[in-house]
Amino acid sequence: MSIIEASPHSAGAAYVAIDRHKLDDYRPYIFRTTDFGKSWTKITSGLPENSYVHAVREDPKRKGLLFAGTENGIFISFNDGAHWQSLRLNLPAAPIHDLTVKNDDLIVATHGRSFGFWMAFLRCGR
């Protein structure tokens, strides 16, 4: 399954998460375009090599603040995907199948654990 996220900040910008684990490829794949899909840049620096990606979302209020739901948890990028870091906090290790940002909340859908609401208090400048 793949998910495409159109940027709410820039026309022509979008992100795609590609899940290839059913092809025995467990590597993370997230790509960014800024030219309406003519070219794509892989943005996976900092993601674990064996943590395939289910979803990628951009914060609707802060440009370049990205969230990635992977097989091993949530990751965050403050610089448009140039580098990712874990956002696990107190969430148990679980596959994150989807994410959405609503107001100041990060809504997380996990496999086998329903869904939960998280305050994304790391969103600086809010």
Protein backbone atom coordinates (compact mmCIF):
# COMPACT_ATOMS: atom_id res chain seq x y z
CA MET A 1 0.00 0.00 0.00
CA SER A 2 1.18 3.52 -0.73
CA ILE A 3 -0.06 6.84 0.62
CA ILE A 4 0.28 10.20 -1.12
CA GLU A 5 0.12 13.39 0.95
CA ALA A 6 -0.32 16.67 -0.93
CA SER A 7 1.39 19.53 0.87
CA PRO A 8 -1.06 22.04 2.34
CA HIS A 9 1.66 24.71 2.01
CA SER A 10 3.07 24.53 -1.51
CA ALA A 11 1.40 23.88 -4.84
CA GLY A 12 3.25 21.07 -6.57
CA ALA A 13 4.68 19.62 -3.37
CA ALA A 14 3.70 16.17 -2.15
CA TYR A 15 5.02 13.18 -0.21
CA VAL A 16 4.57 9.48 -0.84
CA ALA A 17 5.06 6.52 1.50
CA ILE A 18 5.63 3.21 -0.24
CA ASP A 19 5.21 -0.12 1.56
CA ARG A 20 7.01 -3.03 -0.16
CA HIS A 21 7.10 -5.55 2.70
CA LYS A 22 4.89 -8.03 0.82
CA LEU A 23 7.73 -8.18 -1.71
CA ASP A 24 10.19 -9.05 1.11
CA ASP A 25 11.56 -5.49 1.05
CA TYR A 26 11.39 -4.06 4.58
CA ARG A 27 13.31 -0.84 3.88
CA PRO A 28 11.65 2.56 4.43
CA TYR A 29 10.54 4.47 1.34
CA ILE A 30 9.39 8.08 1.58
CA PHE A 31 9.76 10.44 -1.37
CA ARG A 32 9.13 14.18 -1.81
CA THR A 33 8.32 16.17 -4.94
CA THR A 34 8.20 19.94 -5.32
CA ASP A 35 7.52 20.06 -9.06
CA PHE A 36 4.13 18.35 -9.43
CA GLY A 37 5.72 14.86 -9.59
CA LYS A 38 8.24 15.46 -12.38
CA SER A 39 11.06 14.49 -10.00
CA TRP A 40 11.16 12.76 -6.62
CA THR A 41 13.74 12.80 -3.80
CA LYS A 42 14.09 9.94 -1.32
CA ILE A 43 13.86 11.30 2.25
CA THR A 44 14.62 8.47 4.68
CA SER A 45 17.76 9.61 6.57
CA GLY A 46 17.40 8.58 10.21
CA LEU A 47 14.72 5.94 9.66
CA PRO A 48 15.72 2.40 10.69
CA GLU A 49 16.71 0.30 7.69
CA ASN A 50 14.16 -2.44 8.53
CA SER A 51 11.20 -0.20 9.34
CA TYR A 52 8.90 0.04 6.34
CA VAL A 53 6.58 3.02 6.14
CA HIS A 54 2.79 2.92 6.21
CA ALA A 55 1.99 6.66 6.17
CA VAL A 56 3.52 10.12 5.87
CA ARG A 57 1.75 13.37 6.80
CA GLU A 58 2.74 17.04 6.80
CA ASP A 59 1.58 19.31 9.59
CA PRO A 60 -1.11 21.62 8.17
CA LYS A 61 0.12 24.61 10.19
CA ARG A 62 3.90 24.22 10.06
CA LYS A 63 5.57 23.73 6.70
CA GLY A 64 8.25 21.02 6.67
CA LEU A 65 7.09 19.32 9.88
CA LEU A 66 6.50 15.70 8.84
CA PHE A 67 5.26 12.60 10.63
CA ALA A 68 5.87 9.04 9.45
CA GLY A 69 4.02 5.96 10.66
CA THR A 70 6.24 2.90 10.33
CA GLU A 71 6.10 -0.76 11.25
CA ASN A 72 8.12 0.10 14.37
CA GLY A 73 6.53 3.34 15.55
CA ILE A 74 6.25 7.06 14.82
CA PHE A 75 9.02 9.25 13.45
CA ILE A 76 9.18 13.02 13.07
CA SER A 77 11.13 15.36 10.80
CA PHE A 78 11.45 19.07 11.53
CA ASN A 79 13.23 19.80 8.24
CA ASP A 80 11.01 18.51 5.42
CA GLY A 81 12.34 14.96 5.62
CA ALA A 82 16.07 15.75 5.54
CA HIS A 83 16.42 13.84 8.84
CA TRP A 84 14.00 11.73 10.90
CA GLN A 85 13.99 10.91 14.62
CA SER A 86 11.82 8.72 16.83
CA LEU A 87 8.67 10.22 18.36
CA ARG A 88 7.82 7.18 20.47
CA LEU A 89 7.50 8.96 23.84
CA ASN A 90 5.17 6.70 25.88
CA LEU A 91 3.57 4.86 22.94
CA PRO A 92 4.20 1.11 23.06
CA ALA A 93 6.15 -0.38 20.19
CA ALA A 94 3.45 -0.95 17.58
CA PRO A 95 2.93 -0.61 13.83
CA ILE A 96 1.50 2.83 12.97
CA HIS A 97 -0.83 2.37 10.02
CA ASP A 98 -2.13 5.90 9.64
CA LEU A 99 -1.74 9.39 11.05
CA THR A 100 -3.59 12.65 10.82
CA VAL A 101 -3.13 16.06 12.39
CA LYS A 102 -6.29 17.72 13.70
CA ASN A 103 -5.86 21.14 15.31
CA ASP A 104 -2.96 20.56 17.74
CA ASP A 105 -3.47 16.79 18.07
CA LEU A 106 -1.67 13.98 16.32
CA ILE A 107 -4.15 11.15 15.77
CA VAL A 108 -2.49 7.75 15.48
CA ALA A 109 -3.99 4.49 14.16
CA THR A 110 -2.06 1.45 15.37
CA HIS A 111 -2.43 -2.15 14.32
CA GLY A 112 -4.18 -4.21 16.97
CA ARG A 113 -4.43 -1.31 19.42
CA SER A 114 -7.25 0.73 17.83
CA PHE A 115 -6.39 4.42 17.64
CA GLY A 116 -5.20 7.01 20.08
CA PHE A 117 -4.94 10.75 20.45
CA TRP A 118 -1.58 12.31 21.15
CA MET A 119 -0.81 15.89 21.85
CA ALA A 120 2.03 16.70 19.50
CA PHE A 121 3.65 19.08 21.94
CA LEU A 122 6.93 19.00 20.02
CA ARG A 123 5.48 21.31 17.37
CA CYS A 124 7.64 24.31 18.17
CA GLY A 125 6.35 27.76 17.44
CA ARG A 126 2.71 26.98 18.06
